[in-house]
Amino acid sequence: MLSDTQQFDRRNAIVQFLRNGLVRKQGDLVHLLQRDGYAVTQSSISRDLRDLGVLKAGGRYVMPPEESARANGNFGALAQFVRQILPAGNCLTVVKTTIGAAASVAVAIDKAEWPEVVGTISGDDTIFIATHGEPAQAQLITRLRSNFRV
């Protein structure tokens, strides 16, 4: 089990590798981290990438926009990943994203703490967003389309 400091250091190393554009596959990241003395496996890297909200775009892993920008409602950098916003019943909205981007978009929506959102569930390219009812769903769809320019 890693200490919080060890995990923090490893994740900082991951962020640096991603910002330098060196990573196209998880195996590349495992190799780079092992080279630098980190004890990692593909499974631990996969968890780190998920927890960091890392996206895969253009054949390489990329960092999402800063957490503070997302929490303050700046979704501009994530807009490129959102493809479609659809109502699905009276309390459920579906957001379609590019492959691999749904988790990062869902985290941004969760961190925004919009009052009409009850919660999100994301897969690889689809997000389900539950709302408090039809009026809340309509408000959410308007907000999503405005923020993501869809």
C-alpha atoms as a PDB file:
ATOM      1  CA  MET A   1       0.000   0.000   0.000  1.00  0.00           C
ATOM      2  CA  LEU A   2       1.350   3.392  -1.005  1.00  0.00           C
ATOM      3  CA  SER A   3       1.560   6.284   1.389  1.00  0.00           C
ATOM      4  CA  ASP A   4      -0.256   9.458   0.414  1.00  0.00           C
ATOM      5  CA  THR A   5       3.107  11.078  -0.329  1.00  0.00           C
ATOM      6  CA  GLN A   6       4.203   8.237  -2.616  1.00  0.00           C
ATOM      7  CA  GLN A   7       0.909   8.309  -4.493  1.00  0.00           C
ATOM      8  CA  PHE A   8       1.090  12.110  -4.779  1.00  0.00           C
ATOM      9  CA  ASP A   9       4.657  11.919  -6.132  1.00  0.00           C
ATOM     10  CA  ARG A  10       3.739   9.197  -8.643  1.00  0.00           C
ATOM     11  CA  ARG A  11       0.725  11.133  -9.879  1.00  0.00           C
ATOM     12  CA  ASN A  12       2.825  14.286 -10.233  1.00  0.00           C
ATOM     13  CA  ALA A  13       5.260  12.274 -12.351  1.00  0.00           C
ATOM     14  CA  ILE A  14       2.350  11.035 -14.483  1.00  0.00           C
ATOM     15  CA  VAL A  15       1.122  14.598 -15.003  1.00  0.00           C
ATOM     16  CA  GLN A  16       4.610  15.692 -16.107  1.00  0.00           C
ATOM     17  CA  PHE A  17       4.903  12.841 -18.603  1.00  0.00           C
ATOM     18  CA  LEU A  18       1.454  13.630 -20.012  1.00  0.00           C
ATOM     19  CA  ARG A  19       2.192  17.338 -20.294  1.00  0.00           C
ATOM     20  CA  ASN A  20       5.373  16.524 -22.200  1.00  0.00           C
ATOM     21  CA  GLY A  21       3.321  14.493 -24.680  1.00  0.00           C
ATOM     22  CA  LEU A  22       5.351  11.335 -24.187  1.00  0.00           C
ATOM     23  CA  VAL A  23       2.498   8.898 -23.577  1.00  0.00           C
ATOM     24  CA  ARG A  24       0.416   7.138 -26.214  1.00  0.00           C
ATOM     25  CA  LYS A  25      -0.256   3.876 -24.329  1.00  0.00           C
ATOM     26  CA  GLN A  26      -0.502   2.898 -20.692  1.00  0.00           C
ATOM     27  CA  GLY A  27       2.444   0.567 -21.263  1.00  0.00           C
ATOM     28  CA  ASP A  28       4.565   3.596 -22.214  1.00  0.00           C
ATOM     29  CA  LEU A  29       3.659   5.238 -18.931  1.00  0.00           C
ATOM     30  CA  VAL A  30       4.449   2.067 -16.955  1.00  0.00           C
ATOM     31  CA  HIS A  31       7.890   1.935 -18.612  1.00  0.00           C
ATOM     32  CA  LEU A  32       8.632   5.617 -17.944  1.00  0.00           C
ATOM     33  CA  LEU A  33       7.585   5.400 -14.298  1.00  0.00           C
ATOM     34  CA  GLN A  34       9.486   2.166 -13.671  1.00  0.00           C
ATOM     35  CA  ARG A  35      12.558   3.762 -15.258  1.00  0.00           C
ATOM     36  CA  ASP A  36      12.248   6.562 -12.694  1.00  0.00           C
ATOM     37  CA  GLY A  37      11.985   4.113  -9.793  1.00  0.00           C
ATOM     38  CA  TYR A  38       8.234   3.887  -9.261  1.00  0.00           C
ATOM     39  CA  ALA A  39       6.760   0.449  -8.558  1.00  0.00           C
ATOM     40  CA  VAL A  40       3.739   0.439 -10.894  1.00  0.00           C
ATOM     41  CA  THR A  41       1.585  -1.949 -12.860  1.00  0.00           C
ATOM     42  CA  GLN A  42      -0.806  -1.359 -15.724  1.00  0.00           C
ATOM     43  CA  SER A  43      -3.683  -1.688 -13.231  1.00  0.00           C
ATOM     44  CA  SER A  44      -2.301   0.967 -10.882  1.00  0.00           C
ATOM     45  CA  ILE A  45      -1.676   3.293 -13.837  1.00  0.00           C
ATOM     46  CA  SER A  46      -5.210   2.744 -15.111  1.00  0.00           C
ATOM     47  CA  ARG A  47      -6.601   3.760 -11.695  1.00  0.00           C
ATOM     48  CA  ASP A  48      -4.326   6.814 -11.565  1.00  0.00           C
ATOM     49  CA  LEU A  49      -5.399   7.946 -15.037  1.00  0.00           C
ATOM     50  CA  ARG A  50      -9.066   7.539 -14.104  1.00  0.00           C
ATOM     51  CA  ASP A  51      -8.643   9.386 -10.802  1.00  0.00           C
ATOM     52  CA  LEU A  52      -6.745  12.212 -12.521  1.00  0.00           C
ATOM     53  CA  GLY A  53      -9.517  12.550 -15.118  1.00  0.00           C
ATOM     54  CA  VAL A  54      -7.090  11.969 -17.981  1.00  0.00           C
ATOM     55  CA  LEU A  55      -8.517  11.905 -21.514  1.00  0.00           C
ATOM     56  CA  LYS A  56      -7.280  10.160 -24.630  1.00  0.00           C
ATOM     57  CA  ALA A  57      -7.364  12.447 -27.649  1.00  0.00           C
ATOM     58  CA  GLY A  58      -5.482  12.360 -30.923  1.00  0.00           C
ATOM     59  CA  GLY A  59      -3.931   9.010 -30.048  1.00  0.00           C
ATOM     60  CA  ARG A  60      -2.314  10.197 -26.823  1.00  0.00           C
ATOM     61  CA  TYR A  61      -3.247  10.784 -23.201  1.00  0.00           C
ATOM     62  CA  VAL A  62      -3.900  14.402 -22.229  1.00  0.00           C
ATOM     63  CA  MET A  63      -4.653  16.176 -18.990  1.00  0.00           C
ATOM     64  CA  PRO A  64      -8.123  17.664 -18.552  1.00  0.00           C
ATOM     65  CA  PRO A  65      -8.590  21.376 -17.893  1.00  0.00           C
ATOM     66  CA  GLU A  66      -7.698  22.573 -14.402  1.00  0.00           C
ATOM     67  CA  GLU A  67     -10.123  21.503 -11.683  1.00  0.00           C
ATOM     68  CA  SER A  68     -10.694  25.080 -10.549  1.00  0.00           C
ATOM     69  CA  ALA A  69     -11.742  26.176 -14.021  1.00  0.00           C
ATOM     70  CA  ARG A  70     -14.261  23.335 -14.235  1.00  0.00           C
ATOM     71  CA  ALA A  71     -15.621  24.010 -10.763  1.00  0.00           C
ATOM     72  CA  ASN A  72     -16.187  27.633 -11.732  1.00  0.00           C
ATOM     73  CA  GLY A  73     -18.158  26.667 -14.820  1.00  0.00           C
ATOM     74  CA  ASN A  74     -15.465  27.112 -17.492  1.00  0.00           C
ATOM     75  CA  PHE A  75     -16.235  24.158 -19.748  1.00  0.00           C
ATOM     76  CA  GLY A  76     -14.622  25.581 -22.892  1.00  0.00           C
ATOM     77  CA  ALA A  77     -11.730  23.118 -22.986  1.00  0.00           C
ATOM     78  CA  LEU A  78     -14.092  20.156 -22.560  1.00  0.00           C
ATOM     79  CA  ALA A  79     -16.531  21.378 -25.232  1.00  0.00           C
ATOM     80  CA  GLN A  80     -14.477  19.734 -27.987  1.00  0.00           C
ATOM     81  CA  PHE A  81     -15.307  16.313 -26.500  1.00  0.00           C
ATOM     82  CA  VAL A  82     -19.108  16.729 -26.247  1.00  0.00           C
ATOM     83  CA  ARG A  83     -21.013  15.561 -29.331  1.00  0.00           C
ATOM     84  CA  GLN A  84     -24.696  15.411 -28.406  1.00  0.00           C
ATOM     85  CA  ILE A  85     -27.094  16.295 -25.585  1.00  0.00           C
ATOM     86  CA  LEU A  86     -30.421  14.418 -25.559  1.00  0.00           C
ATOM     87  CA  PRO A  87     -33.380  14.210 -23.190  1.00  0.00           C
ATOM     88  CA  ALA A  88     -34.224  10.600 -22.293  1.00  0.00           C
ATOM     89  CA  GLY A  89     -37.427  10.547 -20.312  1.00  0.00           C
ATOM     90  CA  ASN A  90     -38.604  13.124 -17.832  1.00  0.00           C
ATOM     91  CA  CYS A  91     -35.623  13.088 -15.440  1.00  0.00           C
ATOM     92  CA  LEU A  92     -32.740  11.680 -17.452  1.00  0.00           C
ATOM     93  CA  THR A  93     -30.429  13.452 -19.889  1.00  0.00           C
ATOM     94  CA  VAL A  94     -27.858  11.712 -22.079  1.00  0.00           C
ATOM     95  CA  VAL A  95     -24.609  13.386 -23.107  1.00  0.00           C
ATOM     96  CA  LYS A  96     -22.614  11.702 -25.878  1.00  0.00           C
ATOM     97  CA  THR A  97     -18.874  12.416 -25.959  1.00  0.00           C
ATOM     98  CA  THR A  98     -15.859  11.304 -27.928  1.00  0.00           C
ATOM     99  CA  ILE A  99     -14.510   7.912 -26.870  1.00  0.00           C
ATOM    100  CA  GLY A 100     -12.756   8.095 -23.519  1.00  0.00           C
ATOM    101  CA  ALA A 101     -13.988  11.577 -22.552  1.00  0.00           C
ATOM    102  CA  ALA A 102     -17.224  10.806 -20.692  1.00  0.00           C
ATOM    103  CA  ALA A 103     -15.653  10.421 -17.243  1.00  0.00           C
ATOM    104  CA  SER A 104     -13.857  13.768 -17.417  1.00  0.00           C
ATOM    105  CA  VAL A 105     -16.960  15.591 -18.627  1.00  0.00           C
ATOM    106  CA  ALA A 106     -19.065  13.926 -15.900  1.00  0.00           C
ATOM    107  CA  VAL A 107     -16.558  14.935 -13.218  1.00  0.00           C
ATOM    108  CA  ALA A 108     -16.708  18.532 -14.458  1.00  0.00           C
ATOM    109  CA  ILE A 109     -20.513  18.476 -14.269  1.00  0.00           C
ATOM    110  CA  ASP A 110     -20.412  16.973 -10.763  1.00  0.00           C
ATOM    111  CA  LYS A 111     -17.872  19.541  -9.549  1.00  0.00           C
ATOM    112  CA  ALA A 112     -19.996  22.394 -10.880  1.00  0.00           C
ATOM    113  CA  GLU A 113     -22.649  21.396  -8.294  1.00  0.00           C
ATOM    114  CA  TRP A 114     -25.571  22.594 -10.394  1.00  0.00           C
ATOM    115  CA  PRO A 115     -28.743  22.471  -8.273  1.00  0.00           C
ATOM    116  CA  GLU A 116     -30.784  20.670 -10.932  1.00  0.00           C
ATOM    117  CA  VAL A 117     -28.347  17.711 -11.110  1.00  0.00           C
ATOM    118  CA  VAL A 118     -29.023  14.789  -8.793  1.00  0.00           C
ATOM    119  CA  GLY A 119     -26.046  12.798 -10.104  1.00  0.00           C
ATOM    120  CA  THR A 120     -24.152  11.441 -13.092  1.00  0.00           C
ATOM    121  CA  ILE A 121     -23.095   8.025 -14.333  1.00  0.00           C
ATOM    122  CA  SER A 122     -20.513   7.794 -17.089  1.00  0.00           C
ATOM    123  CA  GLY A 123     -19.202   5.129 -19.366  1.00  0.00           C
ATOM    124  CA  ASP A 124     -16.616   5.468 -22.106  1.00  0.00           C
ATOM    125  CA  ASP A 125     -18.521   7.844 -24.386  1.00  0.00           C
ATOM    126  CA  THR A 126     -21.898   8.316 -22.687  1.00  0.00           C
ATOM    127  CA  ILE A 127     -23.081  10.143 -19.566  1.00  0.00           C
ATOM    128  CA  PHE A 128     -26.468   9.744 -17.892  1.00  0.00           C
ATOM    129  CA  ILE A 129     -27.489  12.746 -15.801  1.00  0.00           C
ATOM    130  CA  ALA A 130     -30.417  12.477 -13.393  1.00  0.00           C
ATOM    131  CA  THR A 131     -32.374  15.628 -12.530  1.00  0.00           C
ATOM    132  CA  HIS A 132     -35.140  16.545 -10.070  1.00  0.00           C
ATOM    133  CA  GLY A 133     -37.886  16.515 -12.719  1.00  0.00           C
ATOM    134  CA  GLU A 134     -38.882  17.931 -16.090  1.00  0.00           C
ATOM    135  CA  PRO A 135     -38.328  21.635 -15.262  1.00  0.00           C
ATOM    136  CA  ALA A 136     -34.878  20.822 -13.869  1.00  0.00           C
ATOM    137  CA  GLN A 137     -34.106  18.705 -16.934  1.00  0.00           C
ATOM    138  CA  ALA A 138     -35.038  21.581 -19.261  1.00  0.00           C
ATOM    139  CA  GLN A 139     -32.814  23.941 -17.262  1.00  0.00           C
ATOM    140  CA  LEU A 140     -29.966  21.409 -17.368  1.00  0.00           C
ATOM    141  CA  ILE A 141     -30.217  20.906 -21.130  1.00  0.00           C
ATOM    142  CA  THR A 142     -30.124  24.672 -21.681  1.00  0.00           C
ATOM    143  CA  ARG A 143     -27.089  24.967 -19.380  1.00  0.00           C
ATOM    144  CA  LEU A 144     -25.276  22.035 -21.026  1.00  0.00           C
ATOM    145  CA  ARG A 145     -25.889  23.330 -24.565  1.00  0.00           C
ATOM    146  CA  SER A 146     -24.666  26.772 -23.576  1.00  0.00           C
ATOM    147  CA  ASN A 147     -21.546  25.562 -21.760  1.00  0.00           C
ATOM    148  CA  PHE A 148     -20.563  22.916 -24.293  1.00  0.00           C
ATOM    149  CA  ARG A 149     -21.742  24.848 -27.379  1.00  0.00           C
ATOM    150  CA  VAL A 150     -23.777  21.907 -28.684  1.00  0.00           C
END
